Amino acid sequence: GKAEMEMVLSVIKEKHTPEVYQNTLRGLYS
């Protein structure tokens, strides 16, 4: 599950702007 989550995050990073990726990480963490 953790590996899959990391894969999803890497796809978000690859397919979106750095701002979207950063906001996604911050939102999930929060």
Full PDB file with SEQRES, HELIX, SHEET, SSBOND, CRYST1, ORIGX, SCALE, CONECT and MASTER records, all heavy atoms in Angstrom:
SEQRES   1 A   30  GLY LYS ALA GLU MET GLU MET VAL LEU SER VAL ILE LYS          
SEQRES   2 A   30  GLU LYS HIS THR PRO GLU VAL TYR GLN ASN THR LEU ARG          
SEQRES   3 A   30  GLY LEU TYR SER                                              
HELIX    1 AA1 LYS A    2  LYS A   15  1                                  14    
HELIX    2 AA2 PRO A   18  TYR A   29  1                                  12    
CRYST1    1.000    1.000    1.000  90.00  90.00  90.00 P 1           1          
ORIGX1      1.000000  0.000000  0.000000        0.00000                         
ORIGX2      0.000000  1.000000  0.000000        0.00000                         
ORIGX3      0.000000  0.000000  1.000000        0.00000                         
SCALE1      1.000000  0.000000  0.000000        0.00000                         
SCALE2      0.000000  1.000000  0.000000        0.00000                         
SCALE3      0.000000  0.000000  1.000000        0.00000                         
ATOM      1  N   GLY A   1       0.819  -1.212   0.000  1.00  0.00           N  
ATOM      2  CA  GLY A   1       0.000   0.000   0.000  1.00  0.00           C  
ATOM      3  C   GLY A   1       0.848   1.255   0.000  1.00  0.00           C  
ATOM      4  O   GLY A   1       0.553   2.220  -0.715  1.00  0.00           O  
ATOM      5  N   LYS A   2       1.910   1.238   0.772  1.00  0.00           N  
ATOM      6  CA  LYS A   2       2.811   2.400   0.825  1.00  0.00           C  
ATOM      7  C   LYS A   2       3.495   2.592  -0.525  1.00  0.00           C  
ATOM      8  O   LYS A   2       3.602   3.717  -1.021  1.00  0.00           O  
ATOM      9  CB  LYS A   2       3.852   2.214   1.928  1.00  0.00           C  
ATOM     10  CG  LYS A   2       4.776   3.399   2.072  1.00  0.00           C  
ATOM     11  CD  LYS A   2       5.752   3.188   3.216  1.00  0.00           C  
ATOM     12  CE  LYS A   2       6.764   4.301   3.293  1.00  0.00           C  
ATOM     13  NZ  LYS A   2       7.761   4.050   4.324  1.00  0.00           N  
ATOM     14  N   ALA A   3       3.935   1.509  -1.141  1.00  0.00           N  
ATOM     15  CA  ALA A   3       4.577   1.604  -2.451  1.00  0.00           C  
ATOM     16  C   ALA A   3       3.598   2.148  -3.492  1.00  0.00           C  
ATOM     17  O   ALA A   3       3.969   2.968  -4.333  1.00  0.00           O  
ATOM     18  CB  ALA A   3       5.101   0.234  -2.879  1.00  0.00           C  
ATOM     19  N   GLU A   4       2.350   1.728  -3.422  1.00  0.00           N  
ATOM     20  CA  GLU A   4       1.340   2.229  -4.349  1.00  0.00           C  
ATOM     21  C   GLU A   4       1.077   3.717  -4.123  1.00  0.00           C  
ATOM     22  O   GLU A   4       0.918   4.475  -5.077  1.00  0.00           O  
ATOM     23  CB  GLU A   4       0.045   1.435  -4.223  1.00  0.00           C  
ATOM     24  CG  GLU A   4       0.144   0.041  -4.797  1.00  0.00           C  
ATOM     25  CD  GLU A   4      -1.148  -0.742  -4.696  1.00  0.00           C  
ATOM     26  OE1 GLU A   4      -2.167  -0.196  -4.248  1.00  0.00           O  
ATOM     27  OE2 GLU A   4      -1.130  -1.912  -5.087  1.00  0.00           O  
ATOM     28  N   MET A   5       1.046   4.126  -2.869  1.00  0.00           N  
ATOM     29  CA  MET A   5       0.840   5.545  -2.563  1.00  0.00           C  
ATOM     30  C   MET A   5       1.993   6.370  -3.110  1.00  0.00           C  
ATOM     31  O   MET A   5       1.786   7.438  -3.691  1.00  0.00           O  
ATOM     32  CB  MET A   5       0.707   5.732  -1.045  1.00  0.00           C  
ATOM     33  CG  MET A   5       0.429   7.128  -0.609  1.00  0.00           C  
ATOM     34  SD  MET A   5      -1.208   7.638  -1.147  1.00  0.00           S  
ATOM     35  CE  MET A   5      -1.145   9.363  -0.768  1.00  0.00           C  
ATOM     36  N   GLU A   6       3.210   5.888  -2.943  1.00  0.00           N  
ATOM     37  CA  GLU A   6       4.371   6.589  -3.465  1.00  0.00           C  
ATOM     38  C   GLU A   6       4.326   6.663  -4.993  1.00  0.00           C  
ATOM     39  O   GLU A   6       4.702   7.669  -5.587  1.00  0.00           O  
ATOM     40  CB  GLU A   6       5.657   5.923  -2.987  1.00  0.00           C  
ATOM     41  CG  GLU A   6       5.907   6.135  -1.507  1.00  0.00           C  
ATOM     42  CD  GLU A   6       7.049   5.318  -0.941  1.00  0.00           C  
ATOM     43  OE1 GLU A   6       7.464   4.319  -1.586  1.00  0.00           O  
ATOM     44  OE2 GLU A   6       7.525   5.669   0.150  1.00  0.00           O  
ATOM     45  N   MET A   7       3.820   5.594  -5.639  1.00  0.00           N  
ATOM     46  CA  MET A   7       3.694   5.596  -7.085  1.00  0.00           C  
ATOM     47  C   MET A   7       2.667   6.644  -7.539  1.00  0.00           C  
ATOM     48  O   MET A   7       2.895   7.379  -8.503  1.00  0.00           O  
ATOM     49  CB  MET A   7       3.273   4.206  -7.585  1.00  0.00           C  
ATOM     50  CG  MET A   7       3.381   4.059  -9.079  1.00  0.00           C  
ATOM     51  SD  MET A   7       2.957   2.427  -9.770  1.00  0.00           S  
ATOM     52  CE  MET A   7       2.793   1.353  -8.394  1.00  0.00           C  
ATOM     53  N   VAL A   8       1.561   6.732  -6.838  1.00  0.00           N  
ATOM     54  CA  VAL A   8       0.536   7.731  -7.158  1.00  0.00           C  
ATOM     55  C   VAL A   8       1.119   9.134  -7.020  1.00  0.00           C  
ATOM     56  O   VAL A   8       0.915   9.996  -7.888  1.00  0.00           O  
ATOM     57  CB  VAL A   8      -0.706   7.562  -6.255  1.00  0.00           C  
ATOM     58  CG1 VAL A   8      -1.633   8.761  -6.354  1.00  0.00           C  
ATOM     59  CG2 VAL A   8      -1.445   6.289  -6.606  1.00  0.00           C  
ATOM     60  N   LEU A   9       1.854   9.371  -5.951  1.00  0.00           N  
ATOM     61  CA  LEU A   9       2.459  10.686  -5.747  1.00  0.00           C  
ATOM     62  C   LEU A   9       3.474  11.009  -6.838  1.00  0.00           C  
ATOM     63  O   LEU A   9       3.562  12.150  -7.290  1.00  0.00           O  
ATOM     64  CB  LEU A   9       3.108  10.767  -4.361  1.00  0.00           C  
ATOM     65  CG  LEU A   9       2.122  10.732  -3.186  1.00  0.00           C  
ATOM     66  CD1 LEU A   9       2.886  10.635  -1.864  1.00  0.00           C  
ATOM     67  CD2 LEU A   9       1.202  11.933  -3.196  1.00  0.00           C  
ATOM     68  N   SER A  10       4.215  10.013  -7.293  1.00  0.00           N  
ATOM     69  CA  SER A  10       5.184  10.264  -8.362  1.00  0.00           C  
ATOM     70  C   SER A  10       4.481  10.598  -9.674  1.00  0.00           C  
ATOM     71  O   SER A  10       4.965  11.442 -10.443  1.00  0.00           O  
ATOM     72  CB  SER A  10       6.145   9.090  -8.535  1.00  0.00           C  
ATOM     73  OG  SER A  10       5.488   7.983  -9.097  1.00  0.00           O  
ATOM     74  N   VAL A  11       3.342   9.986  -9.937  1.00  0.00           N  
ATOM     75  CA  VAL A  11       2.578  10.310 -11.143  1.00  0.00           C  
ATOM     76  C   VAL A  11       2.021  11.727 -11.048  1.00  0.00           C  
ATOM     77  O   VAL A  11       2.045  12.478 -12.031  1.00  0.00           O  
ATOM     78  CB  VAL A  11       1.449   9.280 -11.385  1.00  0.00           C  
ATOM     79  CG1 VAL A  11       0.508   9.749 -12.482  1.00  0.00           C  
ATOM     80  CG2 VAL A  11       2.040   7.923 -11.725  1.00  0.00           C  
ATOM     81  N   ILE A  12       1.547  12.104  -9.868  1.00  0.00           N  
ATOM     82  CA  ILE A  12       1.058  13.478  -9.678  1.00  0.00           C  
ATOM     83  C   ILE A  12       2.188  14.465  -9.931  1.00  0.00           C  
ATOM     84  O   ILE A  12       2.010  15.478 -10.607  1.00  0.00           O  
ATOM     85  CB  ILE A  12       0.465  13.669  -8.270  1.00  0.00           C  
ATOM     86  CG1 ILE A  12      -0.829  12.854  -8.122  1.00  0.00           C  
ATOM     87  CG2 ILE A  12       0.195  15.148  -7.967  1.00  0.00           C  
ATOM     88  CD1 ILE A  12      -1.370  12.772  -6.715  1.00  0.00           C  
ATOM     89  N   LYS A  13       3.368  14.156  -9.423  1.00  0.00           N  
ATOM     90  CA  LYS A  13       4.524  15.030  -9.628  1.00  0.00           C  
ATOM     91  C   LYS A  13       4.873  15.141 -11.108  1.00  0.00           C  
ATOM     92  O   LYS A  13       5.179  16.221 -11.613  1.00  0.00           O  
ATOM     93  CB  LYS A  13       5.726  14.498  -8.845  1.00  0.00           C  
ATOM     94  CG  LYS A  13       6.962  15.356  -8.976  1.00  0.00           C  
ATOM     95  CD  LYS A  13       8.105  14.787  -8.165  1.00  0.00           C  
ATOM     96  CE  LYS A  13       9.331  15.681  -8.272  1.00  0.00           C  
ATOM     97  NZ  LYS A  13      10.445  15.133  -7.509  1.00  0.00           N  
ATOM     98  N   GLU A  14       4.812  14.019 -11.794  1.00  0.00           N  
ATOM     99  CA  GLU A  14       5.182  13.972 -13.211  1.00  0.00           C  
ATOM    100  C   GLU A  14       4.163  14.689 -14.105  1.00  0.00           C  
ATOM    101  O   GLU A  14       4.544  15.352 -15.064  1.00  0.00           O  
ATOM    102  CB  GLU A  14       5.287  12.501 -13.613  1.00  0.00           C  
ATOM    103  CG  GLU A  14       5.634  12.248 -15.049  1.00  0.00           C  
ATOM    104  CD  GLU A  14       5.637  10.756 -15.344  1.00  0.00           C  
ATOM    105  OE1 GLU A  14       6.214   9.991 -14.550  1.00  0.00           O  
ATOM    106  OE2 GLU A  14       5.048  10.372 -16.354  1.00  0.00           O  
ATOM    107  N   LYS A  15       2.888  14.570 -13.783  1.00  0.00           N  
ATOM    108  CA  LYS A  15       1.835  15.045 -14.684  1.00  0.00           C  
ATOM    109  C   LYS A  15       1.336  16.459 -14.392  1.00  0.00           C  
ATOM    110  O   LYS A  15       0.582  17.005 -15.185  1.00  0.00           O  
ATOM    111  CB  LYS A  15       0.628  14.093 -14.628  1.00  0.00           C  
ATOM    112  CG  LYS A  15       0.934  12.662 -14.967  1.00  0.00           C  
ATOM    113  CD  LYS A  15       1.027  12.476 -16.450  1.00  0.00           C  
ATOM    114  CE  LYS A  15       1.244  11.004 -16.766  1.00  0.00           C  
ATOM    115  NZ  LYS A  15       1.450  10.757 -18.159  1.00  0.00           N  
ATOM    116  N   HIS A  16       1.724  17.022 -13.257  1.00  0.00           N  
ATOM    117  CA  HIS A  16       1.193  18.327 -12.855  1.00  0.00           C  
ATOM    118  C   HIS A  16       2.315  19.321 -12.581  1.00  0.00           C  
ATOM    119  O   HIS A  16       3.482  18.952 -12.494  1.00  0.00           O  
ATOM    120  CB  HIS A  16       0.291  18.180 -11.623  1.00  0.00           C  
ATOM    121  CG  HIS A  16      -0.907  17.334 -11.881  1.00  0.00           C  
ATOM    122  ND1 HIS A  16      -2.027  17.797 -12.524  1.00  0.00           N  
ATOM    123  CD2 HIS A  16      -1.166  16.030 -11.605  1.00  0.00           C  
ATOM    124  CE1 HIS A  16      -2.922  16.840 -12.625  1.00  0.00           C  
ATOM    125  NE2 HIS A  16      -2.421  15.747 -12.077  1.00  0.00           N  
ATOM    126  N   THR A  17       1.925  20.544 -12.376  1.00  0.00           N  
ATOM    127  CA  THR A  17       2.902  21.587 -12.069  1.00  0.00           C  
ATOM    128  C   THR A  17       3.480  21.357 -10.674  1.00  0.00           C  
ATOM    129  O   THR A  17       2.844  20.704  -9.832  1.00  0.00           O  
ATOM    130  CB  THR A  17       2.258  22.985 -12.121  1.00  0.00           C  
ATOM    131  OG1 THR A  17       1.280  23.074 -11.074  1.00  0.00           O  
ATOM    132  CG2 THR A  17       1.610  23.258 -13.459  1.00  0.00           C  
ATOM    133  N   PRO A  18       4.664  21.916 -10.407  1.00  0.00           N  
ATOM    134  CA  PRO A  18       5.239  21.789  -9.068  1.00  0.00           C  
ATOM    135  C   PRO A  18       4.310  22.317  -7.973  1.00  0.00           C  
ATOM    136  O   PRO A  18       4.246  21.741  -6.884  1.00  0.00           O  
ATOM    137  CB  PRO A  18       6.523  22.616  -9.147  1.00  0.00           C  
ATOM    138  CG  PRO A  18       6.910  22.568 -10.588  1.00  0.00           C  
ATOM    139  CD  PRO A  18       5.602  22.566 -11.343  1.00  0.00           C  
ATOM    140  N   GLU A  19       3.573  23.362  -8.274  1.00  0.00           N  
ATOM    141  CA  GLU A  19       2.653  23.926  -7.284  1.00  0.00           C  
ATOM    142  C   GLU A  19       1.538  22.942  -6.931  1.00  0.00           C  
ATOM    143  O   GLU A  19       1.199  22.773  -5.757  1.00  0.00           O  
ATOM    144  CB  GLU A  19       2.053  25.231  -7.804  1.00  0.00           C  
ATOM    145  CG  GLU A  19       1.161  25.924  -6.797  1.00  0.00           C  
ATOM    146  CD  GLU A  19       0.592  27.235  -7.328  1.00  0.00           C  
ATOM    147  OE1 GLU A  19       1.025  27.711  -8.388  1.00  0.00           O  
ATOM    148  OE2 GLU A  19      -0.285  27.777  -6.653  1.00  0.00           O  
ATOM    149  N   VAL A  20       0.979  22.281  -7.926  1.00  0.00           N  
ATOM    150  CA  VAL A  20      -0.069  21.281  -7.677  1.00  0.00           C  
ATOM    151  C   VAL A  20       0.490  20.130  -6.848  1.00  0.00           C  
ATOM    152  O   VAL A  20      -0.132  19.668  -5.883  1.00  0.00           O  
ATOM    153  CB  VAL A  20      -0.669  20.767  -9.004  1.00  0.00           C  
ATOM    154  CG1 VAL A  20      -1.551  19.543  -8.778  1.00  0.00           C  
ATOM    155  CG2 VAL A  20      -1.453  21.868  -9.701  1.00  0.00           C  
ATOM    156  N   TYR A  21       1.683  19.677  -7.202  1.00  0.00           N  
ATOM    157  CA  TYR A  21       2.316  18.581  -6.469  1.00  0.00           C  
ATOM    158  C   TYR A  21       2.571  18.969  -5.011  1.00  0.00           C  
ATOM    159  O   TYR A  21       2.247  18.215  -4.086  1.00  0.00           O  
ATOM    160  CB  TYR A  21       3.619  18.189  -7.164  1.00  0.00           C  
ATOM    161  CG  TYR A  21       4.412  17.131  -6.439  1.00  0.00           C  
ATOM    162  CD1 TYR A  21       3.934  15.834  -6.309  1.00  0.00           C  
ATOM    163  CD2 TYR A  21       5.650  17.424  -5.883  1.00  0.00           C  
ATOM    164  CE1 TYR A  21       4.663  14.864  -5.650  1.00  0.00           C  
ATOM    165  CE2 TYR A  21       6.397  16.461  -5.231  1.00  0.00           C  
ATOM    166  CZ  TYR A  21       5.891  15.182  -5.116  1.00  0.00           C  
ATOM    167  OH  TYR A  21       6.619  14.217  -4.451  1.00  0.00           O  
ATOM    168  N   GLN A  22       3.135  20.139  -4.795  1.00  0.00           N  
ATOM    169  CA  GLN A  22       3.418  20.603  -3.438  1.00  0.00           C  
ATOM    170  C   GLN A  22       2.131  20.741  -2.625  1.00  0.00           C  
ATOM    171  O   GLN A  22       2.074  20.320  -1.462  1.00  0.00           O  
ATOM    172  CB  GLN A  22       4.158  21.935  -3.476  1.00  0.00           C  
ATOM    173  CG  GLN A  22       5.557  21.826  -4.011  1.00  0.00           C  
ATOM    174  CD  GLN A  22       6.204  23.176  -4.265  1.00  0.00           C  
ATOM    175  OE1 GLN A  22       5.640  24.219  -3.959  1.00  0.00           O  
ATOM    176  NE2 GLN A  22       7.391  23.165  -4.836  1.00  0.00           N  
ATOM    177  N   ASN A  23       1.108  21.320  -3.227  1.00  0.00           N  
ATOM    178  CA  ASN A  23      -0.166  21.487  -2.521  1.00  0.00           C  
ATOM    179  C   ASN A  23      -0.819  20.142  -2.215  1.00  0.00           C  
ATOM    180  O   ASN A  23      -1.455  19.979  -1.177  1.00  0.00           O  
ATOM    181  CB  ASN A  23      -1.112  22.383  -3.313  1.00  0.00           C  
ATOM    182  CG  ASN A  23      -0.679  23.827  -3.302  1.00  0.00           C  
ATOM    183  OD1 ASN A  23       0.048  24.264  -2.413  1.00  0.00           O  
ATOM    184  ND2 ASN A  23      -1.099  24.572  -4.299  1.00  0.00           N  
ATOM    185  N   THR A  24      -0.654  19.184  -3.115  1.00  0.00           N  
ATOM    186  CA  THR A  24      -1.183  17.834  -2.878  1.00  0.00           C  
ATOM    187  C   THR A  24      -0.502  17.208  -1.674  1.00  0.00           C  
ATOM    188  O   THR A  24      -1.167  16.657  -0.783  1.00  0.00           O  
ATOM    189  CB  THR A  24      -0.995  16.949  -4.125  1.00  0.00           C  
ATOM    190  OG1 THR A  24      -1.701  17.535  -5.226  1.00  0.00           O  
ATOM    191  CG2 THR A  24      -1.509  15.541  -3.883  1.00  0.00           C  
ATOM    192  N   LEU A  25       0.826  17.281  -1.638  1.00  0.00           N  
ATOM    193  CA  LEU A  25       1.566  16.725  -0.495  1.00  0.00           C  
ATOM    194  C   LEU A  25       1.169  17.406   0.809  1.00  0.00           C  
ATOM    195  O   LEU A  25       0.912  16.743   1.818  1.00  0.00           O  
ATOM    196  CB  LEU A  25       3.074  16.864  -0.712  1.00  0.00           C  
ATOM    197  CG  LEU A  25       3.707  16.003  -1.798  1.00  0.00           C  
ATOM    198  CD1 LEU A  25       5.194  16.313  -1.909  1.00  0.00           C  
ATOM    199  CD2 LEU A  25       3.495  14.530  -1.518  1.00  0.00           C  
ATOM    200  N   ARG A  26       1.115  18.718   0.773  1.00  0.00           N  
ATOM    201  CA  ARG A  26       0.770  19.466   1.995  1.00  0.00           C  
ATOM    202  C   ARG A  26      -0.658  19.161   2.441  1.00  0.00           C  
ATOM    203  O   ARG A  26      -0.922  19.028   3.634  1.00  0.00           O  
ATOM    204  CB  ARG A  26       0.959  20.951   1.760  1.00  0.00           C  
ATOM    205  CG  ARG A  26       2.410  21.342   1.654  1.00  0.00           C  
ATOM    206  CD  ARG A  26       2.598  22.807   1.363  1.00  0.00           C  
ATOM    207  NE  ARG A  26       4.015  23.119   1.226  1.00  0.00           N  
ATOM    208  CZ  ARG A  26       4.514  23.915   0.302  1.00  0.00           C  
ATOM    209  NH1 ARG A  26       3.725  24.528  -0.566  1.00  0.00           N  
ATOM    210  NH2 ARG A  26       5.812  24.132   0.234  1.00  0.00           N  
ATOM    211  N   GLY A  27      -1.574  19.070   1.496  1.00  0.00           N  
ATOM    212  CA  GLY A  27      -2.963  18.762   1.834  1.00  0.00           C  
ATOM    213  C   GLY A  27      -3.116  17.376   2.424  1.00  0.00           C  
ATOM    214  O   GLY A  27      -3.800  17.185   3.432  1.00  0.00           O  
ATOM    215  N   LEU A  28      -2.484  16.388   1.802  1.00  0.00           N  
ATOM    216  CA  LEU A  28      -2.542  15.028   2.338  1.00  0.00           C  
ATOM    217  C   LEU A  28      -1.936  14.956   3.732  1.00  0.00           C  
ATOM    218  O   LEU A  28      -2.491  14.335   4.638  1.00  0.00           O  
ATOM    219  CB  LEU A  28      -1.801  14.057   1.399  1.00  0.00           C  
ATOM    220  CG  LEU A  28      -2.516  13.678   0.120  1.00  0.00           C  
ATOM    221  CD1 LEU A  28      -1.563  12.946  -0.813  1.00  0.00           C  
ATOM    222  CD2 LEU A  28      -3.732  12.823   0.426  1.00  0.00           C  
ATOM    223  N   TYR A  29      -0.795  15.603   3.895  1.00  0.00           N  
ATOM    224  CA  TYR A  29      -0.129  15.582   5.199  1.00  0.00           C  
ATOM    225  C   TYR A  29      -0.992  16.237   6.269  1.00  0.00           C  
ATOM    226  O   TYR A  29      -1.177  15.693   7.362  1.00  0.00           O  
ATOM    227  CB  TYR A  29       1.232  16.277   5.099  1.00  0.00           C  
ATOM    228  CG  TYR A  29       2.043  16.153   6.363  1.00  0.00           C  
ATOM    229  CD1 TYR A  29       2.711  14.971   6.653  1.00  0.00           C  
ATOM    230  CD2 TYR A  29       2.130  17.198   7.277  1.00  0.00           C  
ATOM    231  CE1 TYR A  29       3.452  14.838   7.811  1.00  0.00           C  
ATOM    232  CE2 TYR A  29       2.866  17.075   8.436  1.00  0.00           C  
ATOM    233  CZ  TYR A  29       3.524  15.896   8.696  1.00  0.00           C  
ATOM    234  OH  TYR A  29       4.245  15.760   9.853  1.00  0.00           O  
ATOM    235  N   SER A  30      -1.551  17.362   5.937  1.00  0.00           N  
ATOM    236  CA  SER A  30      -2.395  18.086   6.889  1.00  0.00           C  
ATOM    237  C   SER A  30      -3.637  17.275   7.248  1.00  0.00           C  
ATOM    238  O   SER A  30      -3.968  17.089   8.425  1.00  0.00           O  
ATOM    239  CB  SER A  30      -2.804  19.436   6.296  1.00  0.00           C  
ATOM    240  OG  SER A  30      -3.707  20.098   7.145  1.00  0.00           O  
TER     241      SER A  30                                                      
MASTER        0    0    0    2    0    0    0    6  240    1    0    3          
END                                                                             
